[in-house]
PDB file of N, CA and C in Angstrom:
ATOM      1  N   MET A   1       0.811  -1.267  -0.088  1.00  0.00           N
ATOM      2  CA  MET A   1       0.130  -0.216   0.142  1.00  0.00           C
ATOM      3  C   MET A   1       0.995   1.189  -0.092  1.00  0.00           C
ATOM      4  N   ALA A   2       2.179   1.314   0.788  1.00  0.00           N
ATOM      5  CA  ALA A   2       2.632   2.301   0.717  1.00  0.00           C
ATOM      6  C   ALA A   2       3.429   2.803  -0.712  1.00  0.00           C
ATOM      7  N   ALA A   3       3.433   2.006  -1.653  1.00  0.00           N
ATOM      8  CA  ALA A   3       4.169   2.296  -3.044  1.00  0.00           C
ATOM      9  C   ALA A   3       3.030   2.696  -3.640  1.00  0.00           C
ATOM     10  N   LYS A   4       1.493   2.989  -3.416  1.00  0.00           N
ATOM     11  CA  LYS A   4       0.583   3.781  -4.211  1.00  0.00           C
ATOM     12  C   LYS A   4       0.562   5.096  -4.080  1.00  0.00           C
ATOM     13  N   ASP A   5       0.020   5.611  -5.160  1.00  0.00           N
ATOM     14  CA  ASP A   5       0.411   7.133  -5.155  1.00  0.00           C
ATOM     15  C   ASP A   5      -1.138   7.608  -4.955  1.00  0.00           C
ATOM     16  N   ILE A   6      -1.438   8.739  -4.105  1.00  0.00           N
ATOM     17  CA  ILE A   6      -2.616   9.232  -3.849  1.00  0.00           C
ATOM     18  C   ILE A   6      -2.933   9.975  -5.128  1.00  0.00           C
ATOM     19  N   TYR A   7      -2.210  10.950  -5.609  1.00  0.00           N
ATOM     20  CA  TYR A   7      -2.471  11.755  -6.582  1.00  0.00           C
ATOM     21  C   TYR A   7      -1.709  11.239  -7.645  1.00  0.00           C
ATOM     22  N   ASN A   8      -1.976  11.699  -8.843  1.00  0.00           N
ATOM     23  CA  ASN A   8      -1.361  11.148 -10.242  1.00  0.00           C
ATOM     24  C   ASN A   8      -0.253  12.013 -10.218  1.00  0.00           C
ATOM     25  N   PRO A   9       0.838  11.378 -10.265  1.00  0.00           N
ATOM     26  CA  PRO A   9       2.207  12.369 -10.718  1.00  0.00           C
ATOM     27  C   PRO A   9       2.639  12.211 -12.192  1.00  0.00           C
ATOM     28  N   ASN A  10       1.870  11.512 -12.848  1.00  0.00           N
ATOM     29  CA  ASN A  10       2.353  11.193 -14.345  1.00  0.00           C
ATOM     30  C   ASN A  10       1.568  12.407 -15.332  1.00  0.00           C
ATOM     31  N   ILE A  11       1.790  13.684 -14.816  1.00  0.00           N
ATOM     32  CA  ILE A  11       1.254  14.622 -15.610  1.00  0.00           C
ATOM     33  C   ILE A  11       2.283  14.946 -16.676  1.00  0.00           C
ATOM     34  N   THR A  12       2.330  14.738 -17.806  1.00  0.00           N
ATOM     35  CA  THR A  12       3.402  14.873 -19.030  1.00  0.00           C
ATOM     36  C   THR A  12       3.004  16.201 -20.064  1.00  0.00           C
ATOM     37  N   LYS A  13       2.010  17.043 -19.779  1.00  0.00           N
ATOM     38  CA  LYS A  13       1.589  17.895 -20.863  1.00  0.00           C
ATOM     39  C   LYS A  13       0.639  19.078 -19.935  1.00  0.00           C
ATOM     40  N   THR A  14       0.835  20.350 -20.424  1.00  0.00           N
ATOM     41  CA  THR A  14       0.134  21.504 -19.823  1.00  0.00           C
ATOM     42  C   THR A  14      -1.449  21.363 -19.892  1.00  0.00           C
ATOM     43  N   MET A  15      -1.849  22.002 -19.225  1.00  0.00           N
ATOM     44  CA  MET A  15      -3.503  21.429 -18.989  1.00  0.00           C
ATOM     45  C   MET A  15      -4.002  22.678 -18.363  1.00  0.00           C
ATOM     46  N   LYS A  16      -5.363  22.828 -18.261  1.00  0.00           N
ATOM     47  CA  LYS A  16      -6.274  23.898 -17.656  1.00  0.00           C
ATOM     48  C   LYS A  16      -6.430  23.165 -16.138  1.00  0.00           C
ATOM     49  N   VAL A  17      -6.837  24.140 -15.404  1.00  0.00           N
ATOM     50  CA  VAL A  17      -7.072  23.794 -13.951  1.00  0.00           C
ATOM     51  C   VAL A  17      -8.020  22.830 -13.502  1.00  0.00           C
ATOM     52  N   GLU A  18      -9.238  23.017 -14.137  1.00  0.00           N
ATOM     53  CA  GLU A  18     -10.097  22.041 -14.100  1.00  0.00           C
ATOM     54  C   GLU A  18      -9.929  20.607 -14.586  1.00  0.00           C
ATOM     55  N   GLU A  19      -9.150  20.458 -15.847  1.00  0.00           N
ATOM     56  CA  GLU A  19      -8.753  19.255 -16.341  1.00  0.00           C
ATOM     57  C   GLU A  19      -7.742  18.407 -15.154  1.00  0.00           C
ATOM     58  N   PHE A  20      -6.879  19.475 -14.810  1.00  0.00           N
ATOM     59  CA  PHE A  20      -5.900  18.857 -13.685  1.00  0.00           C
ATOM     60  C   PHE A  20      -6.665  18.299 -12.563  1.00  0.00           C
ATOM     61  N   LYS A  21      -7.504  19.037 -11.867  1.00  0.00           N
ATOM     62  CA  LYS A  21      -8.367  18.690 -10.882  1.00  0.00           C
ATOM     63  C   LYS A  21      -9.447  17.822 -11.216  1.00  0.00           C
ATOM     64  N   GLN A  22      -9.879  17.422 -12.455  1.00  0.00           N
ATOM     65  CA  GLN A  22     -10.529  16.200 -12.556  1.00  0.00           C
ATOM     66  C   GLN A  22      -9.773  14.944 -12.657  1.00  0.00           C
ATOM     67  N   ILE A  23      -8.405  15.110 -13.198  1.00  0.00           N
ATOM     68  CA  ILE A  23      -7.441  14.008 -13.076  1.00  0.00           C
ATOM     69  C   ILE A  23      -7.184  13.459 -11.598  1.00  0.00           C
ATOM     70  N   GLN A  24      -6.728  14.582 -10.972  1.00  0.00           N
ATOM     71  CA  GLN A  24      -6.629  14.123  -9.634  1.00  0.00           C
ATOM     72  C   GLN A  24      -7.815  13.633  -8.632  1.00  0.00           C
ATOM     73  N   ASN A  25      -8.963  14.219  -9.005  1.00  0.00           N
ATOM     74  CA  ASN A  25     -10.323  13.712  -8.389  1.00  0.00           C
ATOM     75  C   ASN A  25     -10.367  12.124  -8.772  1.00  0.00           C
ATOM     76  N   SER A  26      -9.931  11.862  -9.757  1.00  0.00           N
ATOM     77  CA  SER A  26     -10.357  10.392 -10.530  1.00  0.00           C
ATOM     78  C   SER A  26      -9.538   9.815  -9.861  1.00  0.00           C
ATOM     79  N   SER A  27      -7.994  10.144  -9.513  1.00  0.00           N
ATOM     80  CA  SER A  27      -7.073   9.276  -8.856  1.00  0.00           C
ATOM     81  C   SER A  27      -7.331   9.249  -7.463  1.00  0.00           C
ATOM     82  N   THR A  28      -7.743  10.231  -6.855  1.00  0.00           N
ATOM     83  CA  THR A  28      -8.169   9.883  -5.320  1.00  0.00           C
ATOM     84  C   THR A  28      -9.246   8.855  -5.324  1.00  0.00           C
ATOM     85  N   THR A  29     -10.209   8.939  -6.368  1.00  0.00           N
ATOM     86  CA  THR A  29     -11.335   8.054  -6.281  1.00  0.00           C
ATOM     87  C   THR A  29     -11.110   6.685  -6.399  1.00  0.00           C
ATOM     88  N   GLN A  30     -10.283   6.532  -7.321  1.00  0.00           N
ATOM     89  CA  GLN A  30      -9.775   5.122  -7.554  1.00  0.00           C
ATOM     90  C   GLN A  30      -8.898   4.714  -6.335  1.00  0.00           C
ATOM     91  N   ILE A  31      -8.111   5.237  -5.568  1.00  0.00           N
ATOM     92  CA  ILE A  31      -7.435   4.775  -4.697  1.00  0.00           C
ATOM     93  C   ILE A  31      -8.188   4.646  -3.011  1.00  0.00           C
ATOM     94  N   GLY A  32      -9.357   5.631  -3.324  1.00  0.00           N
ATOM     95  CA  GLY A  32     -10.270   5.290  -2.069  1.00  0.00           C
ATOM     96  C   GLY A  32     -10.974   3.977  -2.412  1.00  0.00           C
ATOM     97  N   TYR A  33     -11.427   3.759  -3.779  1.00  0.00           N
ATOM     98  CA  TYR A  33     -12.316   2.331  -4.108  1.00  0.00           C
ATOM     99  C   TYR A  33     -11.089   1.096  -3.657  1.00  0.00           C
ATOM    100  N   TYR A  34     -10.230   1.396  -4.211  1.00  0.00           N
ATOM    101  CA  TYR A  34      -8.887   0.180  -4.177  1.00  0.00           C
ATOM    102  C   TYR A  34      -8.809  -0.116  -2.232  1.00  0.00           C
ATOM    103  N   LEU A  35      -9.122   1.004  -1.604  1.00  0.00           N
ATOM    104  CA  LEU A  35      -8.781   0.782  -0.110  1.00  0.00           C
ATOM    105  C   LEU A  35     -10.049   0.318   0.442  1.00  0.00           C
ATOM    106  N   LYS A  36     -11.090   0.398   0.260  1.00  0.00           N
ATOM    107  CA  LYS A  36     -12.170  -0.038   0.663  1.00  0.00           C
ATOM    108  C   LYS A  36     -12.662  -1.526   0.061  1.00  0.00           C
ATOM    109  N   GLU A  37     -12.311  -1.503  -1.215  1.00  0.00           N
ATOM    110  CA  GLU A  37     -12.666  -2.958  -1.616  1.00  0.00           C
ATOM    111  C   GLU A  37     -11.485  -3.928  -1.787  1.00  0.00           C
ATOM    112  N   THR A  38     -10.741  -3.776  -2.634  1.00  0.00           N
ATOM    113  CA  THR A  38      -9.480  -4.817  -2.939  1.00  0.00           C
ATOM    114  C   THR A  38      -8.526  -4.680  -1.661  1.00  0.00           C
ATOM    115  N   TRP A  39      -7.857  -3.707  -1.087  1.00  0.00           N
ATOM    116  CA  TRP A  39      -6.888  -3.751   0.203  1.00  0.00           C
ATOM    117  C   TRP A  39      -7.679  -4.393   1.338  1.00  0.00           C
ATOM    118  N   LEU A  40      -9.045  -3.728   1.768  1.00  0.00           N
ATOM    119  CA  LEU A  40      -9.498  -4.404   2.763  1.00  0.00           C
ATOM    120  C   LEU A  40      -9.727  -5.904   2.809  1.00  0.00           C
ATOM    121  N   ASN A  41     -10.338  -6.182   1.629  1.00  0.00           N
ATOM    122  CA  ASN A  41     -10.743  -7.338   1.574  1.00  0.00           C
ATOM    123  C   ASN A  41      -9.649  -8.377   1.586  1.00  0.00           C
ATOM    124  N   LYS A  42      -8.351  -8.068   0.952  1.00  0.00           N
ATOM    125  CA  LYS A  42      -7.345  -8.831   1.067  1.00  0.00           C
ATOM    126  C   LYS A  42      -6.626  -8.790   2.564  1.00  0.00           C
ATOM    127  N   LEU A  43      -6.576  -7.649   3.192  1.00  0.00           N
ATOM    128  CA  LEU A  43      -6.338  -7.846   4.727  1.00  0.00           C
ATOM    129  C   LEU A  43      -7.438  -8.911   5.164  1.00  0.00           C
ATOM    130  N   LYS A  44      -8.677  -8.688   5.154  1.00  0.00           N
ATOM    131  CA  LYS A  44      -9.268  -9.568   6.150  1.00  0.00           C
ATOM    132  C   LYS A  44      -9.134 -11.030   5.621  1.00  0.00           C
ATOM    133  N   GLU A  45      -8.521 -11.401   4.535  1.00  0.00           N
ATOM    134  CA  GLU A  45      -8.254 -12.630   4.066  1.00  0.00           C
ATOM    135  C   GLU A  45      -6.862 -13.129   4.633  1.00  0.00           C
ATOM    136  N   ILE A  46      -6.072 -12.185   4.735  1.00  0.00           N
ATOM    137  CA  ILE A  46      -4.724 -12.881   5.446  1.00  0.00           C
ATOM    138  C   ILE A  46      -4.783 -12.925   6.782  1.00  0.00           C
ATOM    139  N   ILE A  47      -5.782 -12.129   7.662  1.00  0.00           N
ATOM    140  CA  ILE A  47      -6.081 -12.010   9.170  1.00  0.00           C
ATOM    141  C   ILE A  47      -6.596 -13.424   9.354  1.00  0.00           C
ATOM    142  N   LYS A  48      -7.765 -13.756   8.510  1.00  0.00           N
ATOM    143  CA  LYS A  48      -8.713 -15.038   8.790  1.00  0.00           C
ATOM    144  C   LYS A  48      -7.553 -16.509   8.344  1.00  0.00           C
ATOM    145  N   ASN A  49      -6.800 -16.417   7.230  1.00  0.00           N
ATOM    146  CA  ASN A  49      -5.943 -17.234   6.963  1.00  0.00           C
ATOM    147  C   ASN A  49      -4.880 -17.655   8.039  1.00  0.00           C
ATOM    148  N   GLN A  50      -4.381 -16.479   8.401  1.00  0.00           N
ATOM    149  CA  GLN A  50      -3.169 -16.734   9.778  1.00  0.00           C
ATOM    150  C   GLN A  50      -3.673 -17.194  10.940  1.00  0.00           C
ATOM    151  N   PHE A  51      -4.958 -16.825  11.555  1.00  0.00           N
ATOM    152  CA  PHE A  51      -5.278 -17.151  12.581  1.00  0.00           C
ATOM    153  C   PHE A  51      -6.501 -18.279  12.539  1.00  0.00           C
ATOM    154  N   GLU A  52      -6.717 -18.805  11.348  1.00  0.00           N
ATOM    155  CA  GLU A  52      -7.521 -20.112  11.359  1.00  0.00           C
ATOM    156  C   GLU A  52      -6.924 -21.287  10.399  1.00  0.00           C
ATOM    157  N   LYS A  53      -5.582 -21.287  10.787  1.00  0.00           N
ATOM    158  CA  LYS A  53      -5.035 -22.405  10.455  1.00  0.00           C
ATOM    159  C   LYS A  53      -5.354 -23.941  10.957  1.00  0.00           C
ATOM    160  N   PRO A  54      -5.628 -24.657  10.100  1.00  0.00           N
ATOM    161  CA  PRO A  54      -6.193 -26.039  10.499  1.00  0.00           C
ATOM    162  C   PRO A  54      -5.035 -26.626  12.000  1.00  0.00           C
ATOM    163  N   GLY A  55      -5.808 -27.104  12.728  1.00  0.00           N
ATOM    164  CA  GLY A  55      -5.080 -28.039  13.924  1.00  0.00           C
ATOM    165  C   GLY A  55      -4.557 -26.612  14.762  1.00  0.00           C
ATOM    166  N   GLU A  56      -4.416 -25.615  14.451  1.00  0.00           N
ATOM    167  CA  GLU A  56      -3.678 -24.535  15.424  1.00  0.00           C
ATOM    168  C   GLU A  56      -4.775 -23.726  15.928  1.00  0.00           C
ATOM    169  N   THR A  57      -4.594 -23.287  16.930  1.00  0.00           N
ATOM    170  CA  THR A  57      -5.439 -22.172  17.705  1.00  0.00           C
ATOM    171  C   THR A  57      -4.687 -21.515  18.663  1.00  0.00           C
ATOM    172  N   LEU A  58      -4.650 -20.126  18.226  1.00  0.00           N
ATOM    173  CA  LEU A  58      -3.592 -19.327  19.065  1.00  0.00           C
ATOM    174  C   LEU A  58      -4.334 -18.592  20.124  1.00  0.00           C
ATOM    175  N   PRO A  59      -4.069 -19.061  21.224  1.00  0.00           N
ATOM    176  CA  PRO A  59      -4.969 -18.278  22.246  1.00  0.00           C
ATOM    177  C   PRO A  59      -5.124 -16.915  22.358  1.00  0.00           C
ATOM    178  N   GLY A  60      -6.554 -16.741  22.515  1.00  0.00           N
ATOM    179  CA  GLY A  60      -6.825 -15.101  22.570  1.00  0.00           C
ATOM    180  C   GLY A  60      -7.055 -14.598  20.937  1.00  0.00           C
ATOM    181  N   PHE A  61      -6.566 -15.311  19.945  1.00  0.00           N
ATOM    182  CA  PHE A  61      -7.082 -14.739  18.503  1.00  0.00           C
ATOM    183  C   PHE A  61      -8.026 -15.758  18.025  1.00  0.00           C
ATOM    184  N   ASN A  62      -9.000 -16.275  18.880  1.00  0.00           N
ATOM    185  CA  ASN A  62     -10.198 -16.999  18.351  1.00  0.00           C
ATOM    186  C   ASN A  62     -11.141 -16.267  17.636  1.00  0.00           C
ATOM    187  N   LEU A  63     -11.365 -16.410  16.182  1.00  0.00           N
ATOM    188  CA  LEU A  63     -12.367 -15.610  15.190  1.00  0.00           C
ATOM    189  C   LEU A  63     -13.832 -15.849  15.560  1.00  0.00           C
ATOM    190  N   HIS A  64     -13.988 -17.097  16.398  1.00  0.00           N
ATOM    191  CA  HIS A  64     -15.428 -17.390  16.386  1.00  0.00           C
ATOM    192  C   HIS A  64     -15.924 -17.189  18.152  1.00  0.00           C
ATOM    193  N   VAL A  65     -15.598 -16.178  18.680  1.00  0.00           N
ATOM    194  CA  VAL A  65     -16.137 -16.036  20.038  1.00  0.00           C
ATOM    195  C   VAL A  65     -17.335 -15.806  20.089  1.00  0.00           C
ATOM    196  N   ALA A  66     -17.766 -16.465  21.215  1.00  0.00           N
ATOM    197  CA  ALA A  66     -19.584 -16.440  21.111  1.00  0.00           C
ATOM    198  C   ALA A  66     -20.091 -15.039  22.003  1.00  0.00           C
ATOM    199  N   SER A  67     -19.193 -14.390  22.364  1.00  0.00           N
ATOM    200  CA  SER A  67     -20.021 -13.308  23.090  1.00  0.00           C
ATOM    201  C   SER A  67     -19.081 -11.861  23.040  1.00  0.00           C
ATOM    202  N   LYS A  68     -19.906 -10.698  22.782  1.00  0.00           N
ATOM    203  CA  LYS A  68     -19.267  -9.565  22.531  1.00  0.00           C
ATOM    204  C   LYS A  68     -17.947  -9.278  23.982  1.00  0.00           C
ATOM    205  N   ALA A  69     -18.515  -9.481  25.116  1.00  0.00           N
ATOM    206  CA  ALA A  69     -17.801  -9.251  26.227  1.00  0.00           C
ATOM    207  C   ALA A  69     -16.461 -10.239  26.008  1.00  0.00           C
ATOM    208  N   GLU A  70     -16.727 -11.412  25.475  1.00  0.00           N
ATOM    209  CA  GLU A  70     -15.370 -12.127  25.686  1.00  0.00           C
ATOM    210  C   GLU A  70     -14.285 -11.565  24.667  1.00  0.00           C
ATOM    211  N   TYR A  71     -14.916 -11.004  23.301  1.00  0.00           N
ATOM    212  CA  TYR A  71     -14.353 -10.240  22.390  1.00  0.00           C
ATOM    213  C   TYR A  71     -13.434  -9.348  22.666  1.00  0.00           C
ATOM    214  N   GLU A  72     -14.424  -8.011  23.790  1.00  0.00           N
ATOM    215  CA  GLU A  72     -13.635  -6.892  24.179  1.00  0.00           C
ATOM    216  C   GLU A  72     -12.675  -7.379  25.014  1.00  0.00           C
ATOM    217  N   GLN A  73     -12.448  -8.603  25.502  1.00  0.00           N
ATOM    218  CA  GLN A  73     -11.133  -8.745  26.312  1.00  0.00           C
ATOM    219  C   GLN A  73     -10.031  -9.657  25.524  1.00  0.00           C
ATOM    220  N   SER A  74     -10.438  -9.739  24.500  1.00  0.00           N
ATOM    221  CA  SER A  74      -9.565 -10.606  23.640  1.00  0.00           C
ATOM    222  C   SER A  74      -8.122  -9.975  23.061  1.00  0.00           C
ATOM    223  N   ASP A  75      -7.218 -10.779  22.891  1.00  0.00           N
ATOM    224  CA  ASP A  75      -5.982 -10.302  22.245  1.00  0.00           C
ATOM    225  C   ASP A  75      -6.239  -9.710  21.037  1.00  0.00           C
ATOM    226  N   LEU A  76      -7.301 -10.677  20.210  1.00  0.00           N
ATOM    227  CA  LEU A  76      -7.537 -10.309  18.788  1.00  0.00           C
ATOM    228  C   LEU A  76      -8.126  -8.839  18.616  1.00  0.00           C
ATOM    229  N   ARG A  77      -8.872  -8.317  19.427  1.00  0.00           N
ATOM    230  CA  ARG A  77      -9.622  -7.066  19.678  1.00  0.00           C
ATOM    231  C   ARG A  77      -8.278  -6.209  19.845  1.00  0.00           C
ATOM    232  N   ARG A  78      -7.527  -6.211  20.732  1.00  0.00           N
ATOM    233  CA  ARG A  78      -6.309  -5.177  20.567  1.00  0.00           C
ATOM    234  C   ARG A  78      -5.592  -5.337  19.644  1.00  0.00           C
ATOM    235  N   PHE A  79      -5.210  -6.324  18.938  1.00  0.00           N
ATOM    236  CA  PHE A  79      -4.366  -6.690  17.559  1.00  0.00           C
ATOM    237  C   PHE A  79      -5.279  -5.942  16.573  1.00  0.00           C
ATOM    238  N   LEU A  80      -6.639  -6.138  16.394  1.00  0.00           N
ATOM    239  CA  LEU A  80      -7.346  -5.171  15.433  1.00  0.00           C
ATOM    240  C   LEU A  80      -7.544  -3.878  15.619  1.00  0.00           C
ATOM    241  N   MET A  81      -7.279  -3.683  16.621  1.00  0.00           N
ATOM    242  CA  MET A  81      -7.657  -1.690  17.173  1.00  0.00           C
ATOM    243  C   MET A  81      -6.174  -1.554  16.886  1.00  0.00           C
ATOM    244  N   GLN A  82      -4.970  -1.846  16.843  1.00  0.00           N
ATOM    245  CA  GLN A  82      -3.643  -1.555  16.199  1.00  0.00           C
ATOM    246  C   GLN A  82      -4.132  -0.839  14.939  1.00  0.00           C
TER     247      GLN A  82
END
C-alpha cells in the first residue's frame, strides 16, 4: 500500500486547472475504491488465514468468540485496534 500514489504524478503536458483537478479527483477516487474494496478484503483474508490455520489455535485470537464481552477482552480485539 505504501507504494501507491494518492495523486496522479504522471502529468506530462500542460493543461487547464479544471482538467488537472478532474484527473486528480479521479486518482483519489480510484485509490479510495482500492482501499475500501481490494485492500480491505485482502487484509481480512490474510487475518483469517493466519488465525484459522487447521489444527492450530492461537490463544486469544479466536475468530469465533461467542459473546461481545469475550471479544472485548481478547488479544484479537487489541490486535485489530492497532
